[in-house]
Amino acid sequence: MRIDLHTHTIFSDGDLTPSELAYRAKELGHTAIAITDHVDVTNIEFVVPNLVKAADLGSDYITVIPGVELTYVPPSMIDAMAKKARALGAEIVVVHGETVSEPVPPNTNLRAVMSPNVDILAHPGLITFEEAEIAAGNDTALEITGRAFHNITNGHVANMARKAGAKMVINSDAHTIGNLMDERTATIVGKGAGLTDDEIKKALNDTPYEMIKHLIR
């Protein structure tokens, strides 16, 4: 089973249409993917309803889950935007975390893990132990990412998640064909982050499945 809960298409800065992304993922052995294009206050009402339509691809390809990645949203607006995304049909809400490779607004990680409407904090390379504890309490998953540059702090994220008892997921953050990861590549990413075999199994299979099992066709 391979489930990827963080990918992008032409509806933000990805190269592929939802149809091609779904088929390419199918060819790599995926069971399901979430399409989580970048949104803020200006495009959320356009992107989410169109990604909801992509769920129909599951009748021929793999399960496609509509989602969003709230990106550079002012921290004070994160919870309200996550609620709005849900109301529009997003099944997975990701927040673009504070990372060492981009100047994301301070307190983004904190406000994301405080929101009960956020499922995943993406590549949160600057996360603190206190924020990881809040994530654990709110059942927010911390991402171990395959995305270049963001992934240089995977080890730190894994350590914070482990100490706090927070869930982890391994995602590709795919923007183009070569970014998608089969199970072998995703396992290597997990090992590179210092995860044990049991932690990799949970982050790669068990936790993502539990998050979307009610949506798998």
N, C-alpha and C. Protein backbone atom coordinates (compact mmCIF):
# COMPACT_ATOMS: atom_id res chain seq x y z
N MET A 1 0.85 -1.19 0.00
CA MET A 1 0.00 0.00 0.00
C MET A 1 0.88 1.24 0.00
N ARG A 2 0.56 2.19 -0.85
CA ARG A 2 1.29 3.47 -0.86
C ARG A 2 0.26 4.59 -0.90
N ILE A 3 0.28 5.41 0.10
CA ILE A 3 -0.63 6.55 0.20
C ILE A 3 0.20 7.81 0.36
N ASP A 4 -0.05 8.78 -0.49
CA ASP A 4 0.68 10.05 -0.46
C ASP A 4 -0.35 11.15 -0.20
N LEU A 5 -0.19 11.87 0.88
CA LEU A 5 -1.19 12.86 1.28
C LEU A 5 -0.75 14.31 1.04
N HIS A 6 0.21 14.50 0.12
CA HIS A 6 0.69 15.86 -0.15
C HIS A 6 1.25 15.91 -1.57
N THR A 7 0.44 16.36 -2.52
CA THR A 7 0.87 16.48 -3.92
C THR A 7 0.26 17.74 -4.53
N HIS A 8 0.81 18.13 -5.69
CA HIS A 8 0.37 19.36 -6.36
C HIS A 8 0.15 19.14 -7.84
N THR A 9 -0.74 19.94 -8.41
CA THR A 9 -1.07 19.85 -9.84
C THR A 9 -1.01 21.24 -10.46
N ILE A 10 -1.52 21.34 -11.69
CA ILE A 10 -1.54 22.63 -12.38
C ILE A 10 -2.46 23.65 -11.70
N PHE A 11 -3.24 23.20 -10.72
CA PHE A 11 -4.08 24.15 -10.00
C PHE A 11 -3.28 25.01 -9.02
N SER A 12 -2.00 24.69 -8.85
CA SER A 12 -1.10 25.62 -8.16
C SER A 12 0.22 25.62 -8.92
N ASP A 13 1.27 25.05 -8.34
CA ASP A 13 2.58 25.12 -9.00
C ASP A 13 3.09 23.76 -9.47
N GLY A 14 2.19 22.80 -9.65
CA GLY A 14 2.58 21.50 -10.18
C GLY A 14 2.57 21.48 -11.69
N ASP A 15 3.17 20.43 -12.27
CA ASP A 15 3.27 20.32 -13.73
C ASP A 15 2.14 19.50 -14.35
N LEU A 16 1.46 18.67 -13.56
CA LEU A 16 0.53 17.69 -14.12
C LEU A 16 -0.93 18.05 -13.81
N THR A 17 -1.82 17.61 -14.71
CA THR A 17 -3.24 17.67 -14.41
C THR A 17 -3.55 16.62 -13.35
N PRO A 18 -4.66 16.74 -12.64
CA PRO A 18 -5.03 15.70 -11.69
C PRO A 18 -5.11 14.32 -12.32
N SER A 19 -5.61 14.22 -13.55
CA SER A 19 -5.72 12.92 -14.20
C SER A 19 -4.36 12.26 -14.40
N GLU A 20 -3.40 13.04 -14.89
CA GLU A 20 -2.07 12.45 -15.12
C GLU A 20 -1.39 12.12 -13.80
N LEU A 21 -1.53 12.99 -12.83
CA LEU A 21 -0.93 12.71 -11.52
C LEU A 21 -1.49 11.41 -10.95
N ALA A 22 -2.81 11.24 -11.03
CA ALA A 22 -3.43 10.03 -10.50
C ALA A 22 -2.94 8.79 -11.23
N TYR A 23 -2.83 8.87 -12.53
CA TYR A 23 -2.40 7.69 -13.29
C TYR A 23 -0.93 7.39 -13.05
N ARG A 24 -0.11 8.42 -13.00
CA ARG A 24 1.31 8.20 -12.72
C ARG A 24 1.49 7.56 -11.34
N ALA A 25 0.71 8.01 -10.37
CA ALA A 25 0.78 7.43 -9.03
C ALA A 25 0.32 5.97 -9.06
N LYS A 26 -0.72 5.71 -9.81
CA LYS A 26 -1.20 4.33 -9.96
C LYS A 26 -0.10 3.42 -10.50
N GLU A 27 0.62 3.90 -11.49
CA GLU A 27 1.70 3.12 -12.09
C GLU A 27 2.83 2.86 -11.11
N LEU A 28 2.98 3.70 -10.09
CA LEU A 28 4.02 3.50 -9.08
C LEU A 28 3.54 2.65 -7.91
N GLY A 29 2.30 2.18 -8.01
CA GLY A 29 1.80 1.29 -6.97
C GLY A 29 1.03 1.96 -5.86
N HIS A 30 0.62 3.21 -6.06
CA HIS A 30 -0.15 3.91 -5.04
C HIS A 30 -1.56 3.34 -4.92
N THR A 31 -2.08 3.39 -3.72
CA THR A 31 -3.47 3.07 -3.45
C THR A 31 -4.32 4.33 -3.49
N ALA A 32 -3.75 5.44 -3.01
CA ALA A 32 -4.48 6.70 -2.93
C ALA A 32 -3.51 7.87 -2.89
N ILE A 33 -3.98 9.01 -3.37
CA ILE A 33 -3.22 10.26 -3.22
C ILE A 33 -4.20 11.36 -2.82
N ALA A 34 -3.70 12.31 -2.06
CA ALA A 34 -4.43 13.55 -1.82
C ALA A 34 -3.80 14.63 -2.68
N ILE A 35 -4.62 15.37 -3.38
CA ILE A 35 -4.13 16.52 -4.14
C ILE A 35 -4.35 17.75 -3.28
N THR A 36 -3.25 18.37 -2.90
CA THR A 36 -3.29 19.44 -1.90
C THR A 36 -2.63 20.69 -2.46
N ASP A 37 -3.27 21.28 -3.45
CA ASP A 37 -2.67 22.45 -4.09
C ASP A 37 -2.64 23.64 -3.14
N HIS A 38 -1.67 24.53 -3.40
CA HIS A 38 -1.47 25.72 -2.57
C HIS A 38 -2.67 26.66 -2.68
N VAL A 39 -3.16 27.09 -1.53
CA VAL A 39 -4.24 28.07 -1.54
C VAL A 39 -4.02 29.14 -0.47
N ASP A 40 -4.65 30.28 -0.70
CA ASP A 40 -4.77 31.32 0.31
C ASP A 40 -6.16 31.94 0.14
N VAL A 41 -6.37 33.13 0.66
CA VAL A 41 -7.71 33.73 0.60
C VAL A 41 -8.16 34.04 -0.83
N THR A 42 -7.22 34.15 -1.76
CA THR A 42 -7.56 34.59 -3.11
C THR A 42 -8.04 33.48 -4.04
N ASN A 43 -7.64 32.23 -3.77
CA ASN A 43 -7.95 31.17 -4.75
C ASN A 43 -8.63 29.94 -4.17
N ILE A 44 -8.89 29.93 -2.87
CA ILE A 44 -9.43 28.73 -2.24
C ILE A 44 -10.79 28.34 -2.83
N GLU A 45 -11.62 29.32 -3.18
CA GLU A 45 -12.94 29.03 -3.70
C GLU A 45 -12.91 28.52 -5.13
N PHE A 46 -11.79 28.72 -5.83
CA PHE A 46 -11.62 28.16 -7.17
C PHE A 46 -10.98 26.78 -7.11
N VAL A 47 -9.93 26.64 -6.31
CA VAL A 47 -9.15 25.40 -6.31
C VAL A 47 -9.91 24.23 -5.71
N VAL A 48 -10.47 24.40 -4.52
CA VAL A 48 -11.06 23.25 -3.82
C VAL A 48 -12.22 22.62 -4.60
N PRO A 49 -13.19 23.39 -5.10
CA PRO A 49 -14.27 22.75 -5.85
C PRO A 49 -13.78 21.99 -7.08
N ASN A 50 -12.73 22.47 -7.72
CA ASN A 50 -12.19 21.76 -8.87
C ASN A 50 -11.47 20.48 -8.46
N LEU A 51 -10.81 20.48 -7.32
CA LEU A 51 -10.17 19.26 -6.86
C LEU A 51 -11.19 18.25 -6.36
N VAL A 52 -12.33 18.72 -5.88
CA VAL A 52 -13.41 17.80 -5.50
C VAL A 52 -13.83 16.98 -6.72
N LYS A 53 -13.84 17.60 -7.89
CA LYS A 53 -14.19 16.88 -9.12
C LYS A 53 -13.20 15.76 -9.41
N ALA A 54 -11.94 15.96 -8.99
CA ALA A 54 -10.90 14.96 -9.27
C ALA A 54 -11.16 13.64 -8.55
N ALA A 55 -11.99 13.66 -7.52
CA ALA A 55 -12.31 12.41 -6.82
C ALA A 55 -12.96 11.40 -7.75
N ASP A 56 -13.59 11.87 -8.81
CA ASP A 56 -14.23 10.96 -9.76
C ASP A 56 -13.22 10.09 -10.50
N LEU A 57 -11.95 10.49 -10.51
CA LEU A 57 -10.92 9.70 -11.18
C LEU A 57 -10.77 8.34 -10.52
N GLY A 58 -11.19 8.23 -9.27
CA GLY A 58 -11.04 6.98 -8.54
C GLY A 58 -11.81 5.82 -9.13
N SER A 59 -12.78 6.11 -9.98
CA SER A 59 -13.55 5.02 -10.59
C SER A 59 -12.70 4.22 -11.57
N ASP A 60 -11.65 4.84 -12.12
CA ASP A 60 -10.78 4.15 -13.07
C ASP A 60 -9.33 4.02 -12.61
N TYR A 61 -8.87 4.94 -11.78
CA TYR A 61 -7.47 4.96 -11.39
C TYR A 61 -7.30 4.52 -9.93
N ILE A 62 -6.91 5.44 -9.10
CA ILE A 62 -6.77 5.17 -7.66
C ILE A 62 -7.65 6.17 -6.91
N THR A 63 -7.79 5.98 -5.63
CA THR A 63 -8.56 6.94 -4.84
C THR A 63 -7.86 8.29 -4.84
N VAL A 64 -8.58 9.32 -5.26
CA VAL A 64 -8.06 10.68 -5.29
C VAL A 64 -8.84 11.50 -4.26
N ILE A 65 -8.12 12.11 -3.34
CA ILE A 65 -8.72 12.82 -2.23
C ILE A 65 -8.49 14.32 -2.40
N PRO A 66 -9.55 15.11 -2.44
CA PRO A 66 -9.36 16.56 -2.58
C PRO A 66 -8.85 17.17 -1.28
N GLY A 67 -7.88 18.06 -1.43
CA GLY A 67 -7.32 18.70 -0.25
C GLY A 67 -6.78 20.08 -0.57
N VAL A 68 -6.05 20.65 0.36
CA VAL A 68 -5.40 21.94 0.17
C VAL A 68 -4.11 21.96 0.97
N GLU A 69 -3.22 22.83 0.56
CA GLU A 69 -2.09 23.21 1.40
C GLU A 69 -2.19 24.71 1.62
N LEU A 70 -2.56 25.10 2.82
CA LEU A 70 -2.61 26.52 3.16
C LEU A 70 -1.17 27.03 3.20
N THR A 71 -0.87 28.00 2.35
CA THR A 71 0.52 28.39 2.12
C THR A 71 0.70 29.89 2.32
N TYR A 72 1.56 30.25 3.26
CA TYR A 72 1.83 31.65 3.59
C TYR A 72 0.57 32.38 4.03
N VAL A 73 -0.41 31.64 4.49
CA VAL A 73 -1.60 32.26 5.07
C VAL A 73 -1.20 32.91 6.40
N PRO A 74 -1.63 34.14 6.67
CA PRO A 74 -1.30 34.75 7.96
C PRO A 74 -1.68 33.82 9.10
N PRO A 75 -0.78 33.58 10.05
CA PRO A 75 -1.05 32.60 11.10
C PRO A 75 -2.39 32.79 11.81
N SER A 76 -2.81 34.03 12.02
CA SER A 76 -4.07 34.27 12.71
C SER A 76 -5.28 33.80 11.90
N MET A 77 -5.09 33.55 10.60
CA MET A 77 -6.19 33.15 9.72
C MET A 77 -6.21 31.64 9.44
N ILE A 78 -5.23 30.91 9.95
CA ILE A 78 -5.10 29.51 9.57
C ILE A 78 -6.33 28.68 9.94
N ASP A 79 -6.81 28.80 11.15
CA ASP A 79 -7.95 27.98 11.55
C ASP A 79 -9.19 28.30 10.73
N ALA A 80 -9.47 29.58 10.53
CA ALA A 80 -10.64 29.98 9.75
C ALA A 80 -10.53 29.48 8.31
N MET A 81 -9.33 29.55 7.74
CA MET A 81 -9.13 29.09 6.37
C MET A 81 -9.26 27.57 6.27
N ALA A 82 -8.79 26.88 7.30
CA ALA A 82 -8.93 25.42 7.32
C ALA A 82 -10.40 25.03 7.39
N LYS A 83 -11.19 25.74 8.20
CA LYS A 83 -12.62 25.49 8.27
C LYS A 83 -13.28 25.74 6.91
N LYS A 84 -12.88 26.81 6.26
CA LYS A 84 -13.46 27.14 4.95
C LYS A 84 -13.12 26.06 3.93
N ALA A 85 -11.87 25.58 3.96
CA ALA A 85 -11.48 24.52 3.04
C ALA A 85 -12.34 23.29 3.24
N ARG A 86 -12.59 22.94 4.48
CA ARG A 86 -13.45 21.79 4.78
C ARG A 86 -14.86 22.01 4.24
N ALA A 87 -15.39 23.21 4.45
CA ALA A 87 -16.75 23.51 3.99
C ALA A 87 -16.86 23.42 2.47
N LEU A 88 -15.77 23.71 1.78
CA LEU A 88 -15.77 23.65 0.31
C LEU A 88 -15.55 22.23 -0.22
N GLY A 89 -15.17 21.29 0.68
CA GLY A 89 -15.03 19.91 0.25
C GLY A 89 -13.66 19.31 0.41
N ALA A 90 -12.72 20.03 0.98
CA ALA A 90 -11.38 19.47 1.21
C ALA A 90 -11.45 18.39 2.29
N GLU A 91 -10.90 17.23 1.99
CA GLU A 91 -10.88 16.12 2.95
C GLU A 91 -9.58 16.05 3.72
N ILE A 92 -8.52 16.62 3.16
CA ILE A 92 -7.21 16.68 3.83
C ILE A 92 -6.75 18.13 3.82
N VAL A 93 -6.47 18.66 5.00
CA VAL A 93 -5.98 20.04 5.11
C VAL A 93 -4.54 20.00 5.60
N VAL A 94 -3.66 20.49 4.76
CA VAL A 94 -2.22 20.57 5.05
C VAL A 94 -1.87 22.04 5.23
N VAL A 95 -0.95 22.32 6.12
CA VAL A 95 -0.42 23.68 6.26
C VAL A 95 1.07 23.65 5.93
N HIS A 96 1.49 24.58 5.10
CA HIS A 96 2.90 24.74 4.72
C HIS A 96 3.66 25.23 5.95
N GLY A 97 4.45 24.34 6.54
CA GLY A 97 5.12 24.66 7.79
C GLY A 97 6.31 25.58 7.65
N GLU A 98 6.81 26.01 8.79
CA GLU A 98 8.02 26.84 8.83
C GLU A 98 9.22 25.95 8.54
N THR A 99 9.95 26.29 7.53
CA THR A 99 11.05 25.47 7.05
C THR A 99 12.31 26.31 6.93
N VAL A 100 13.45 25.64 6.96
CA VAL A 100 14.72 26.37 6.86
C VAL A 100 14.97 26.90 5.46
N SER A 101 14.22 26.45 4.46
CA SER A 101 14.51 26.84 3.08
C SER A 101 13.59 27.93 2.54
N GLU A 102 12.59 28.37 3.33
CA GLU A 102 11.69 29.43 2.89
C GLU A 102 11.31 30.31 4.09
N PRO A 103 11.06 31.60 3.86
CA PRO A 103 10.75 32.52 4.96
C PRO A 103 9.26 32.52 5.32
N VAL A 104 8.76 31.39 5.79
CA VAL A 104 7.35 31.27 6.18
C VAL A 104 7.10 32.11 7.44
N PRO A 105 5.93 32.76 7.55
CA PRO A 105 5.68 33.63 8.71
C PRO A 105 5.86 32.92 10.05
N PRO A 106 6.52 33.56 11.01
CA PRO A 106 6.66 32.98 12.35
C PRO A 106 5.28 32.69 12.96
N ASN A 107 5.24 31.65 13.75
CA ASN A 107 4.02 31.17 14.42
C ASN A 107 3.09 30.38 13.50
N THR A 108 3.52 30.14 12.25
CA THR A 108 2.71 29.29 11.38
C THR A 108 2.60 27.88 11.95
N ASN A 109 3.73 27.32 12.38
CA ASN A 109 3.69 25.96 12.95
C ASN A 109 2.76 25.91 14.16
N LEU A 110 2.88 26.90 15.04
CA LEU A 110 2.08 26.90 16.26
C LEU A 110 0.59 27.00 15.95
N ARG A 111 0.20 27.94 15.09
CA ARG A 111 -1.22 28.12 14.81
C ARG A 111 -1.78 26.94 14.04
N ALA A 112 -0.95 26.28 13.25
CA ALA A 112 -1.41 25.10 12.51
C ALA A 112 -1.71 23.94 13.44
N VAL A 113 -0.79 23.65 14.35
CA VAL A 113 -1.01 22.50 15.24
C VAL A 113 -2.08 22.79 16.29
N MET A 114 -2.38 24.06 16.52
CA MET A 114 -3.45 24.41 17.44
C MET A 114 -4.83 24.21 16.83
N SER A 115 -4.89 24.18 15.51
CA SER A 115 -6.19 24.08 14.83
C SER A 115 -6.67 22.64 14.75
N PRO A 116 -7.87 22.36 15.21
CA PRO A 116 -8.41 21.00 15.09
C PRO A 116 -8.82 20.66 13.66
N ASN A 117 -8.73 21.65 12.77
CA ASN A 117 -9.13 21.45 11.38
C ASN A 117 -7.95 21.16 10.46
N VAL A 118 -6.75 21.10 11.02
CA VAL A 118 -5.55 20.82 10.23
C VAL A 118 -5.13 19.38 10.44
N ASP A 119 -4.93 18.65 9.35
CA ASP A 119 -4.55 17.24 9.42
C ASP A 119 -3.04 17.03 9.46
N ILE A 120 -2.31 17.82 8.65
CA ILE A 120 -0.88 17.60 8.48
C ILE A 120 -0.15 18.93 8.48
N LEU A 121 0.94 19.00 9.24
CA LEU A 121 1.86 20.14 9.15
C LEU A 121 3.02 19.71 8.27
N ALA A 122 3.10 20.33 7.09
CA ALA A 122 4.07 19.91 6.08
C ALA A 122 5.47 20.44 6.38
N HIS A 123 6.45 19.58 6.17
CA HIS A 123 7.88 19.90 6.31
C HIS A 123 8.15 20.99 7.34
N PRO A 124 7.79 20.74 8.60
CA PRO A 124 7.92 21.77 9.64
C PRO A 124 9.31 21.80 10.26
N GLY A 125 10.31 22.14 9.44
CA GLY A 125 11.69 21.98 9.86
C GLY A 125 12.11 22.76 11.08
N LEU A 126 11.37 23.82 11.43
CA LEU A 126 11.72 24.63 12.58
C LEU A 126 10.83 24.34 13.79
N ILE A 127 10.15 23.22 13.78
CA ILE A 127 9.20 22.91 14.84
C ILE A 127 9.89 22.74 16.19
N THR A 128 9.23 23.21 17.24
CA THR A 128 9.75 23.07 18.59
C THR A 128 9.11 21.86 19.27
N PHE A 129 9.68 21.46 20.39
CA PHE A 129 9.11 20.35 21.14
C PHE A 129 7.71 20.71 21.64
N GLU A 130 7.52 21.94 22.08
CA GLU A 130 6.22 22.37 22.59
C GLU A 130 5.16 22.30 21.47
N GLU A 131 5.54 22.70 20.27
CA GLU A 131 4.60 22.62 19.14
C GLU A 131 4.30 21.17 18.78
N ALA A 132 5.31 20.32 18.85
CA ALA A 132 5.09 18.89 18.58
C ALA A 132 4.15 18.28 19.61
N GLU A 133 4.27 18.72 20.86
CA GLU A 133 3.35 18.24 21.90
C GLU A 133 1.91 18.65 21.60
N ILE A 134 1.72 19.86 21.14
CA ILE A 134 0.37 20.32 20.78
C ILE A 134 -0.15 19.51 19.61
N ALA A 135 0.72 19.23 18.64
CA ALA A 135 0.33 18.41 17.50
C ALA A 135 -0.13 17.04 17.96
N ALA A 136 0.59 16.46 18.90
CA ALA A 136 0.21 15.15 19.43
C ALA A 136 -1.16 15.22 20.09
N GLY A 137 -1.40 16.27 20.85
CA GLY A 137 -2.68 16.41 21.54
C GLY A 137 -3.85 16.63 20.60
N ASN A 138 -3.59 17.28 19.45
CA ASN A 138 -4.66 17.56 18.48
C ASN A 138 -4.71 16.55 17.35
N ASP A 139 -3.86 15.51 17.44
CA ASP A 139 -3.85 14.46 16.42
C ASP A 139 -3.43 14.98 15.04
N THR A 140 -2.56 16.00 15.04
CA THR A 140 -2.03 16.54 13.80
C THR A 140 -0.75 15.79 13.44
N ALA A 141 -0.66 15.30 12.21
CA ALA A 141 0.52 14.55 11.79
C ALA A 141 1.62 15.50 11.34
N LEU A 142 2.86 15.16 11.69
CA LEU A 142 4.03 15.91 11.25
C LEU A 142 4.64 15.19 10.06
N GLU A 143 4.99 15.96 9.04
CA GLU A 143 5.43 15.36 7.79
C GLU A 143 6.93 15.15 7.72
N ILE A 144 7.30 13.94 7.30
CA ILE A 144 8.66 13.62 6.86
C ILE A 144 8.60 13.69 5.35
N THR A 145 9.33 14.61 4.76
CA THR A 145 9.11 14.95 3.36
C THR A 145 10.21 14.45 2.42
N GLY A 146 9.79 14.11 1.23
CA GLY A 146 10.74 13.77 0.17
C GLY A 146 11.18 14.98 -0.63
N ARG A 147 10.62 16.13 -0.33
CA ARG A 147 10.88 17.34 -1.12
C ARG A 147 12.28 17.88 -0.85
N ALA A 148 13.02 18.12 -1.94
CA ALA A 148 14.39 18.63 -1.82
C ALA A 148 14.41 19.94 -1.03
N PHE A 149 15.46 20.14 -0.28
CA PHE A 149 15.72 21.30 0.59
C PHE A 149 14.85 21.26 1.85
N HIS A 150 13.55 21.06 1.71
CA HIS A 150 12.72 20.91 2.90
C HIS A 150 13.17 19.69 3.71
N ASN A 151 13.67 18.68 3.01
CA ASN A 151 13.95 17.41 3.70
C ASN A 151 15.25 17.40 4.51
N ILE A 152 16.00 18.49 4.48
CA ILE A 152 17.27 18.48 5.22
C ILE A 152 17.05 18.49 6.74
N THR A 153 15.84 18.84 7.18
CA THR A 153 15.55 18.83 8.61
C THR A 153 14.62 17.70 9.00
N ASN A 154 14.49 16.69 8.15
CA ASN A 154 13.64 15.55 8.48
C ASN A 154 14.03 14.89 9.81
N GLY A 155 15.32 14.82 10.05
CA GLY A 155 15.79 14.18 11.28
C GLY A 155 15.31 14.93 12.51
N HIS A 156 15.36 16.26 12.46
CA HIS A 156 14.88 17.07 13.58
C HIS A 156 13.38 16.87 13.78
N VAL A 157 12.62 16.89 12.68
CA VAL A 157 11.17 16.70 12.78
C VAL A 157 10.86 15.35 13.41
N ALA A 158 11.57 14.32 12.96
CA ALA A 158 11.35 12.97 13.50
C ALA A 158 11.65 12.93 15.00
N ASN A 159 12.74 13.58 15.41
CA ASN A 159 13.09 13.58 16.84
C ASN A 159 12.03 14.29 17.68
N MET A 160 11.53 15.42 17.20
CA MET A 160 10.50 16.15 17.94
C MET A 160 9.22 15.33 18.01
N ALA A 161 8.85 14.71 16.90
CA ALA A 161 7.63 13.89 16.88
C ALA A 161 7.76 12.71 17.82
N ARG A 162 8.91 12.06 17.80
CA ARG A 162 9.14 10.89 18.66
C ARG A 162 9.07 11.27 20.13
N LYS A 163 9.73 12.34 20.51
CA LYS A 163 9.75 12.76 21.91
C LYS A 163 8.36 13.19 22.40
N ALA A 164 7.59 13.80 21.50
CA ALA A 164 6.28 14.32 21.89
C ALA A 164 5.16 13.30 21.71
N GLY A 165 5.46 12.19 21.01
CA GLY A 165 4.43 11.21 20.74
C GLY A 165 3.48 11.62 19.63
N ALA A 166 3.96 12.49 18.72
CA ALA A 166 3.13 12.95 17.61
C ALA A 166 3.19 11.96 16.45
N LYS A 167 2.12 11.92 15.68
CA LYS A 167 2.07 11.08 14.50
C LYS A 167 2.99 11.64 13.41
N MET A 168 3.53 10.74 12.60
CA MET A 168 4.30 11.14 11.43
C MET A 168 3.72 10.52 10.18
N VAL A 169 3.86 11.23 9.06
CA VAL A 169 3.51 10.69 7.74
C VAL A 169 4.65 11.00 6.78
N ILE A 170 4.89 10.09 5.86
CA ILE A 170 5.91 10.31 4.83
C ILE A 170 5.21 10.66 3.53
N ASN A 171 5.45 11.89 3.04
CA ASN A 171 4.82 12.36 1.81
C ASN A 171 5.87 12.84 0.81
N SER A 172 5.44 12.93 -0.45
CA SER A 172 6.37 13.36 -1.50
C SER A 172 6.42 14.87 -1.69
N ASP A 173 5.30 15.56 -1.45
CA ASP A 173 5.17 16.97 -1.82
C ASP A 173 5.47 17.11 -3.31
N ALA A 174 4.94 16.17 -4.09
CA ALA A 174 5.25 16.11 -5.52
C ALA A 174 4.71 17.32 -6.28
N HIS A 175 5.59 17.88 -7.12
CA HIS A 175 5.20 18.95 -8.02
C HIS A 175 5.34 18.53 -9.49
N THR A 176 6.08 17.46 -9.72
CA THR A 176 6.31 16.98 -11.07
C THR A 176 6.48 15.47 -11.04
N ILE A 177 6.60 14.85 -12.21
CA ILE A 177 6.64 13.39 -12.32
C ILE A 177 7.72 12.78 -11.43
N GLY A 178 8.92 13.33 -11.50
CA GLY A 178 10.03 12.74 -10.78
C GLY A 178 9.95 12.86 -9.28
N ASN A 179 9.02 13.66 -8.77
CA ASN A 179 8.89 13.83 -7.32
C ASN A 179 8.10 12.72 -6.65
N LEU A 180 7.22 12.05 -7.40
CA LEU A 180 6.44 10.97 -6.80
C LEU A 180 7.36 9.86 -6.32
N MET A 181 7.03 9.26 -5.20
CA MET A 181 7.89 8.24 -4.61
C MET A 181 7.16 6.90 -4.53
N ASP A 182 7.81 5.86 -5.06
CA ASP A 182 7.28 4.53 -4.82
C ASP A 182 7.61 4.13 -3.38
N GLU A 183 7.17 2.95 -2.97
CA GLU A 183 7.35 2.56 -1.57
C GLU A 183 8.83 2.44 -1.20
N ARG A 184 9.64 1.97 -2.12
CA ARG A 184 11.07 1.83 -1.84
C ARG A 184 11.72 3.20 -1.59
N THR A 185 11.41 4.16 -2.45
CA THR A 185 11.99 5.49 -2.29
C THR A 185 11.50 6.16 -1.02
N ALA A 186 10.21 6.02 -0.72
CA ALA A 186 9.66 6.61 0.50
C ALA A 186 10.28 5.98 1.74
N THR A 187 10.58 4.69 1.66
CA THR A 187 11.23 4.01 2.78
C THR A 187 12.64 4.56 3.00
N ILE A 188 13.34 4.84 1.91
CA ILE A 188 14.67 5.44 2.01
C ILE A 188 14.61 6.81 2.68
N VAL A 189 13.59 7.59 2.34
CA VAL A 189 13.40 8.90 2.98
C VAL A 189 13.20 8.72 4.48
N GLY A 190 12.39 7.73 4.85
CA GLY A 190 12.19 7.45 6.27
C GLY A 190 13.47 7.05 6.97
N LYS A 191 14.24 6.19 6.34
CA LYS A 191 15.52 5.77 6.93
C LYS A 191 16.48 6.94 7.06
N GLY A 192 16.47 7.80 6.06
CA GLY A 192 17.33 8.98 6.11
C GLY A 192 16.98 9.92 7.24
N ALA A 193 15.70 9.90 7.65
CA ALA A 193 15.26 10.73 8.77
C ALA A 193 15.57 10.08 10.11
N GLY A 194 16.09 8.85 10.07
CA GLY A 194 16.43 8.15 11.30
C GLY A 194 15.28 7.36 11.89
N LEU A 195 14.23 7.11 11.10
CA LEU A 195 13.11 6.34 11.60
C LEU A 195 13.45 4.86 11.70
N THR A 196 12.90 4.20 12.69
CA THR A 196 13.04 2.75 12.80
C THR A 196 12.12 2.09 11.78
N ASP A 197 12.29 0.78 11.59
CA ASP A 197 11.43 0.06 10.66
C ASP A 197 9.96 0.17 11.08
N ASP A 198 9.71 0.10 12.38
CA ASP A 198 8.33 0.20 12.86
C ASP A 198 7.78 1.60 12.64
N GLU A 199 8.59 2.62 12.86
CA GLU A 199 8.15 3.99 12.63
C GLU A 199 7.88 4.24 11.15
N ILE A 200 8.71 3.65 10.29
CA ILE A 200 8.49 3.80 8.85
C ILE A 200 7.16 3.15 8.45
N LYS A 201 6.90 1.97 8.96
CA LYS A 201 5.65 1.29 8.64
C LYS A 201 4.45 2.14 9.06
N LYS A 202 4.52 2.72 10.23
CA LYS A 202 3.42 3.55 10.70
C LYS A 202 3.28 4.81 9.85
N ALA A 203 4.39 5.48 9.57
CA ALA A 203 4.35 6.74 8.84
C ALA A 203 4.01 6.56 7.38
N LEU A 204 4.36 5.41 6.83
CA LEU A 204 4.18 5.17 5.40
C LEU A 204 2.85 4.49 5.09
N ASN A 205 2.38 3.67 6.00
CA ASN A 205 1.18 2.88 5.72
C ASN A 205 0.06 3.07 6.75
N ASP A 206 0.36 2.78 8.01
CA ASP A 206 -0.70 2.71 9.01
C ASP A 206 -1.38 4.05 9.26
N THR A 207 -0.60 5.09 9.54
CA THR A 207 -1.18 6.39 9.85
C THR A 207 -1.92 7.00 8.66
N PRO A 208 -1.32 7.04 7.46
CA PRO A 208 -2.09 7.58 6.32
C PRO A 208 -3.38 6.81 6.06
N TYR A 209 -3.33 5.49 6.20
CA TYR A 209 -4.53 4.69 5.97
C TYR A 209 -5.62 5.05 6.97
N GLU A 210 -5.24 5.17 8.24
CA GLU A 210 -6.23 5.52 9.25
C GLU A 210 -6.86 6.89 8.97
N MET A 211 -6.08 7.80 8.39
CA MET A 211 -6.58 9.14 8.12
C MET A 211 -7.60 9.16 6.99
N ILE A 212 -7.51 8.21 6.05
CA ILE A 212 -8.37 8.29 4.86
C ILE A 212 -9.15 7.02 4.58
N LYS A 213 -9.15 6.06 5.50
CA LYS A 213 -9.77 4.77 5.18
C LYS A 213 -11.25 4.88 4.82
N HIS A 214 -11.91 5.89 5.37
CA HIS A 214 -13.33 6.07 5.06
C HIS A 214 -13.55 6.61 3.66
N LEU A 215 -12.47 7.02 2.98
CA LEU A 215 -12.58 7.59 1.64
C LEU A 215 -12.14 6.64 0.54
N ILE A 216 -11.43 5.56 0.90
CA ILE A 216 -10.90 4.64 -0.10
C ILE A 216 -12.03 3.84 -0.73
N ARG A 217 -12.05 3.83 -2.03
CA ARG A 217 -13.12 3.13 -2.77
C ARG A 217 -12.74 1.67 -2.98
